[in-house]
C-alpha cells in the first residue's frame, strides 16, 4: 500500500466491486465499521445499556443481553460478570 492509498484500500475496493457504493461512500462505511469495533468495552456497555433501556427492557434483561453480546464483538471483550457490567454503567 502506498502512502497515498486510503487505509484498508483493499476493503474499500472490494466494497466498490460488490456493491453500488462509490469510493467516498465505501471509505465512510469502512471507517464507521472500524470505529464501531474500536469502541472500548466500557463505552459499548454504556451505549447498549442506554439503547436497551430506551427500548423498555429491564436491567436484568439488559445485562443478560449485553453479557451475551460481548463475546460476539470482533475482538472479544473479556468476560464480565453482571456486577462488573453494573459497575461500568453506575460506577
N, C-alpha and C. Protein backbone atom coordinates (compact mmCIF):
# COMPACT_ATOMS: atom_id res chain seq x y z
N UNK A 1 0.86 -1.17 0.00
CA UNK A 1 0.00 0.00 0.00
C UNK A 1 0.90 1.23 0.00
N UNK A 2 0.67 2.12 -0.93
CA UNK A 2 1.48 3.34 -0.98
C UNK A 2 0.96 4.33 0.04
N UNK A 3 1.76 5.38 0.28
CA UNK A 3 1.37 6.37 1.28
C UNK A 3 0.12 7.14 0.86
N UNK A 4 -0.22 7.12 -0.45
CA UNK A 4 -1.41 7.83 -0.90
C UNK A 4 -2.66 6.95 -0.88
N UNK A 5 -2.50 5.65 -0.64
CA UNK A 5 -3.65 4.75 -0.58
C UNK A 5 -4.41 4.95 0.72
N UNK A 6 -5.74 4.90 0.64
CA UNK A 6 -6.51 5.04 1.88
C UNK A 6 -6.30 3.82 2.76
N UNK A 7 -6.45 4.00 4.09
CA UNK A 7 -6.35 2.84 4.97
C UNK A 7 -7.39 1.80 4.53
N UNK A 8 -7.00 0.55 4.54
CA UNK A 8 -7.89 -0.55 4.15
C UNK A 8 -8.40 -0.37 2.73
N UNK A 9 -7.52 0.13 1.86
CA UNK A 9 -7.89 0.36 0.46
C UNK A 9 -8.39 -0.89 -0.23
N UNK A 10 -7.84 -2.05 0.15
CA UNK A 10 -8.31 -3.29 -0.46
C UNK A 10 -9.77 -3.58 -0.08
N UNK A 11 -10.14 -3.26 1.14
CA UNK A 11 -11.52 -3.46 1.58
C UNK A 11 -12.44 -2.45 0.90
N UNK A 12 -11.99 -1.22 0.77
CA UNK A 12 -12.77 -0.19 0.07
C UNK A 12 -13.00 -0.64 -1.38
N UNK A 13 -11.96 -1.12 -2.04
CA UNK A 13 -12.08 -1.59 -3.42
C UNK A 13 -13.04 -2.77 -3.51
N UNK A 14 -12.97 -3.68 -2.56
CA UNK A 14 -13.88 -4.84 -2.53
C UNK A 14 -15.33 -4.38 -2.42
N UNK A 15 -15.60 -3.43 -1.52
CA UNK A 15 -16.95 -2.92 -1.37
C UNK A 15 -17.44 -2.25 -2.65
N UNK A 16 -16.56 -1.55 -3.32
CA UNK A 16 -16.94 -0.88 -4.56
C UNK A 16 -17.27 -1.91 -5.65
N UNK A 17 -16.53 -3.03 -5.67
CA UNK A 17 -16.78 -4.08 -6.67
C UNK A 17 -18.07 -4.84 -6.40
N UNK A 18 -18.40 -5.01 -5.11
CA UNK A 18 -19.50 -5.90 -4.75
C UNK A 18 -20.78 -5.18 -4.35
N UNK A 19 -20.76 -3.85 -4.37
CA UNK A 19 -21.96 -3.07 -4.03
C UNK A 19 -22.08 -1.90 -5.00
N UNK A 20 -23.06 -1.08 -4.77
CA UNK A 20 -23.24 0.12 -5.60
C UNK A 20 -22.55 1.34 -4.99
N UNK A 21 -21.74 1.12 -3.96
CA UNK A 21 -21.07 2.23 -3.28
C UNK A 21 -19.96 2.80 -4.14
N UNK A 22 -19.86 4.12 -4.10
CA UNK A 22 -18.75 4.80 -4.75
C UNK A 22 -17.56 4.84 -3.80
N UNK A 23 -16.42 5.38 -4.24
CA UNK A 23 -15.22 5.38 -3.41
C UNK A 23 -15.40 6.09 -2.07
N UNK A 24 -16.01 7.26 -2.08
CA UNK A 24 -16.20 8.00 -0.83
C UNK A 24 -17.14 7.29 0.12
N UNK A 25 -18.22 6.75 -0.43
CA UNK A 25 -19.19 6.03 0.41
C UNK A 25 -18.58 4.76 1.01
N UNK A 26 -17.85 4.02 0.18
CA UNK A 26 -17.22 2.79 0.66
C UNK A 26 -16.20 3.10 1.75
N UNK A 27 -15.42 4.17 1.57
CA UNK A 27 -14.44 4.56 2.58
C UNK A 27 -15.13 4.95 3.89
N UNK A 28 -16.27 5.65 3.79
CA UNK A 28 -17.01 6.02 5.01
C UNK A 28 -17.57 4.80 5.72
N UNK A 29 -18.07 3.82 4.95
CA UNK A 29 -18.59 2.58 5.56
C UNK A 29 -17.47 1.88 6.31
N UNK A 30 -16.32 1.75 5.69
CA UNK A 30 -15.17 1.10 6.34
C UNK A 30 -14.79 1.87 7.60
N UNK A 31 -14.73 3.18 7.53
CA UNK A 31 -14.36 3.99 8.70
C UNK A 31 -15.38 3.80 9.82
N UNK A 32 -16.67 3.76 9.50
CA UNK A 32 -17.71 3.58 10.51
C UNK A 32 -17.61 2.21 11.17
N UNK A 33 -17.38 1.17 10.38
CA UNK A 33 -17.27 -0.18 10.93
C UNK A 33 -16.05 -0.28 11.84
N UNK A 34 -14.93 0.28 11.40
CA UNK A 34 -13.72 0.26 12.23
C UNK A 34 -13.94 1.01 13.54
N UNK A 35 -14.60 2.16 13.47
CA UNK A 35 -14.88 2.94 14.68
C UNK A 35 -15.80 2.16 15.62
N UNK A 36 -16.79 1.47 15.05
CA UNK A 36 -17.71 0.67 15.86
C UNK A 36 -16.96 -0.40 16.64
N UNK A 37 -16.06 -1.11 15.96
CA UNK A 37 -15.33 -2.20 16.63
C UNK A 37 -14.18 -1.69 17.49
N UNK A 38 -13.80 -0.43 17.33
CA UNK A 38 -12.73 0.14 18.14
C UNK A 38 -13.27 0.69 19.47
N UNK A 39 -14.58 0.75 19.58
CA UNK A 39 -15.22 1.30 20.78
C UNK A 39 -14.79 0.51 22.01
N UNK A 40 -14.28 1.19 23.04
CA UNK A 40 -13.88 0.48 24.26
C UNK A 40 -15.06 -0.24 24.91
N UNK A 41 -14.77 -1.32 25.62
CA UNK A 41 -15.81 -2.13 26.25
C UNK A 41 -16.72 -1.28 27.12
N UNK A 42 -16.15 -0.41 27.93
CA UNK A 42 -16.96 0.39 28.84
C UNK A 42 -17.93 1.28 28.08
N UNK A 43 -17.45 1.89 26.99
CA UNK A 43 -18.31 2.74 26.18
C UNK A 43 -19.40 1.93 25.51
N UNK A 44 -19.05 0.73 25.03
CA UNK A 44 -20.04 -0.15 24.41
C UNK A 44 -21.13 -0.52 25.41
N UNK A 45 -20.73 -0.90 26.63
CA UNK A 45 -21.70 -1.30 27.65
C UNK A 45 -22.63 -0.14 27.97
N UNK A 46 -22.07 1.04 28.16
CA UNK A 46 -22.91 2.20 28.47
C UNK A 46 -23.86 2.54 27.32
N UNK A 47 -23.35 2.51 26.10
CA UNK A 47 -24.19 2.82 24.93
C UNK A 47 -25.31 1.81 24.79
N UNK A 48 -24.98 0.52 24.87
CA UNK A 48 -26.01 -0.52 24.72
C UNK A 48 -27.02 -0.46 25.86
N UNK A 49 -26.55 -0.18 27.07
CA UNK A 49 -27.48 -0.07 28.20
C UNK A 49 -28.50 1.02 27.91
N UNK A 50 -28.04 2.17 27.44
CA UNK A 50 -28.95 3.26 27.12
C UNK A 50 -29.92 2.90 26.01
N UNK A 51 -29.41 2.24 24.96
CA UNK A 51 -30.28 1.84 23.85
C UNK A 51 -31.35 0.85 24.31
N UNK A 52 -30.93 -0.14 25.08
CA UNK A 52 -31.87 -1.17 25.52
C UNK A 52 -32.84 -0.63 26.56
N UNK A 53 -32.38 0.27 27.41
CA UNK A 53 -33.26 0.91 28.40
C UNK A 53 -34.34 1.72 27.67
N UNK A 54 -33.92 2.44 26.61
CA UNK A 54 -34.87 3.21 25.81
C UNK A 54 -35.89 2.31 25.11
N UNK A 55 -35.50 1.07 24.85
CA UNK A 55 -36.40 0.11 24.20
C UNK A 55 -37.34 -0.54 25.20
N UNK A 56 -37.20 -0.19 26.50
CA UNK A 56 -38.13 -0.68 27.51
C UNK A 56 -37.71 -1.95 28.23
N UNK A 57 -36.48 -2.39 28.04
CA UNK A 57 -36.02 -3.59 28.74
C UNK A 57 -35.67 -3.26 30.18
N UNK A 58 -35.77 -4.26 31.04
CA UNK A 58 -35.38 -4.09 32.44
C UNK A 58 -33.87 -4.28 32.55
N UNK A 59 -33.29 -3.83 33.66
CA UNK A 59 -31.85 -4.00 33.85
C UNK A 59 -31.45 -5.47 33.81
N UNK A 60 -32.25 -6.36 34.41
CA UNK A 60 -31.90 -7.79 34.36
C UNK A 60 -31.83 -8.27 32.91
N UNK A 61 -32.81 -7.88 32.08
CA UNK A 61 -32.79 -8.27 30.67
C UNK A 61 -31.62 -7.63 29.95
N UNK A 62 -31.36 -6.37 30.26
CA UNK A 62 -30.29 -5.64 29.59
C UNK A 62 -28.93 -6.26 29.88
N UNK A 63 -28.64 -6.50 31.15
CA UNK A 63 -27.31 -7.02 31.49
C UNK A 63 -27.11 -8.43 30.97
N UNK A 64 -28.16 -9.24 30.96
CA UNK A 64 -28.05 -10.57 30.36
C UNK A 64 -27.75 -10.47 28.86
N UNK A 65 -28.44 -9.56 28.19
CA UNK A 65 -28.23 -9.40 26.75
C UNK A 65 -26.82 -8.89 26.46
N UNK A 66 -26.38 -7.88 27.20
CA UNK A 66 -25.04 -7.33 26.96
C UNK A 66 -23.97 -8.40 27.23
N UNK A 67 -24.14 -9.17 28.29
CA UNK A 67 -23.19 -10.24 28.59
C UNK A 67 -23.12 -11.24 27.43
N UNK A 68 -24.23 -11.49 26.76
CA UNK A 68 -24.24 -12.38 25.61
C UNK A 68 -23.65 -11.75 24.35
N UNK A 69 -23.74 -10.44 24.24
CA UNK A 69 -23.22 -9.74 23.06
C UNK A 69 -21.71 -9.55 23.09
N UNK A 70 -21.15 -9.35 24.27
CA UNK A 70 -19.73 -9.03 24.36
C UNK A 70 -18.81 -10.06 23.70
N UNK A 71 -19.05 -11.36 23.89
CA UNK A 71 -18.15 -12.32 23.23
C UNK A 71 -18.26 -12.31 21.71
N UNK A 72 -19.30 -11.71 21.17
CA UNK A 72 -19.50 -11.67 19.72
C UNK A 72 -18.82 -10.49 19.06
N UNK A 73 -18.27 -9.59 19.86
CA UNK A 73 -17.56 -8.44 19.30
C UNK A 73 -16.36 -8.94 18.50
N UNK A 74 -15.94 -8.15 17.51
CA UNK A 74 -14.84 -8.55 16.61
C UNK A 74 -13.60 -8.97 17.40
N UNK A 75 -13.21 -8.16 18.33
CA UNK A 75 -12.15 -8.54 19.26
C UNK A 75 -12.88 -8.75 20.57
N UNK A 76 -13.05 -10.00 20.91
CA UNK A 76 -13.90 -10.35 22.05
C UNK A 76 -13.44 -9.63 23.31
N UNK A 77 -14.38 -9.05 23.96
CA UNK A 77 -14.12 -8.38 25.23
C UNK A 77 -13.90 -9.44 26.30
N UNK A 78 -13.25 -9.07 27.38
CA UNK A 78 -13.11 -10.03 28.48
C UNK A 78 -14.49 -10.36 29.03
N UNK A 79 -14.63 -11.55 29.57
CA UNK A 79 -15.91 -11.93 30.17
C UNK A 79 -16.14 -11.08 31.41
N UNK A 80 -17.28 -10.43 31.45
CA UNK A 80 -17.61 -9.56 32.58
C UNK A 80 -18.85 -10.10 33.28
N UNK A 81 -18.82 -10.09 34.59
CA UNK A 81 -19.98 -10.51 35.36
C UNK A 81 -21.04 -9.43 35.31
N UNK A 82 -22.26 -9.78 35.71
CA UNK A 82 -23.33 -8.79 35.77
C UNK A 82 -22.93 -7.68 36.72
N UNK A 83 -22.27 -8.02 37.81
CA UNK A 83 -21.82 -6.99 38.76
C UNK A 83 -20.85 -6.01 38.09
N UNK A 84 -19.91 -6.55 37.31
CA UNK A 84 -18.95 -5.68 36.61
C UNK A 84 -19.67 -4.79 35.60
N UNK A 85 -20.66 -5.35 34.90
CA UNK A 85 -21.43 -4.56 33.95
C UNK A 85 -22.16 -3.44 34.65
N UNK A 86 -22.77 -3.74 35.79
CA UNK A 86 -23.48 -2.71 36.57
C UNK A 86 -22.52 -1.61 37.01
N UNK A 87 -21.30 -1.99 37.41
CA UNK A 87 -20.31 -1.00 37.85
C UNK A 87 -19.93 -0.07 36.71
N UNK A 88 -19.82 -0.63 35.49
CA UNK A 88 -19.49 0.21 34.33
C UNK A 88 -20.58 1.26 34.13
N UNK A 89 -21.84 0.86 34.25
CA UNK A 89 -22.94 1.77 33.99
C UNK A 89 -23.14 2.75 35.14
N UNK A 90 -23.13 2.23 36.36
CA UNK A 90 -23.50 3.06 37.50
C UNK A 90 -22.33 3.50 38.38
N UNK A 91 -21.14 3.00 38.08
CA UNK A 91 -19.96 3.42 38.85
C UNK A 91 -19.74 2.67 40.12
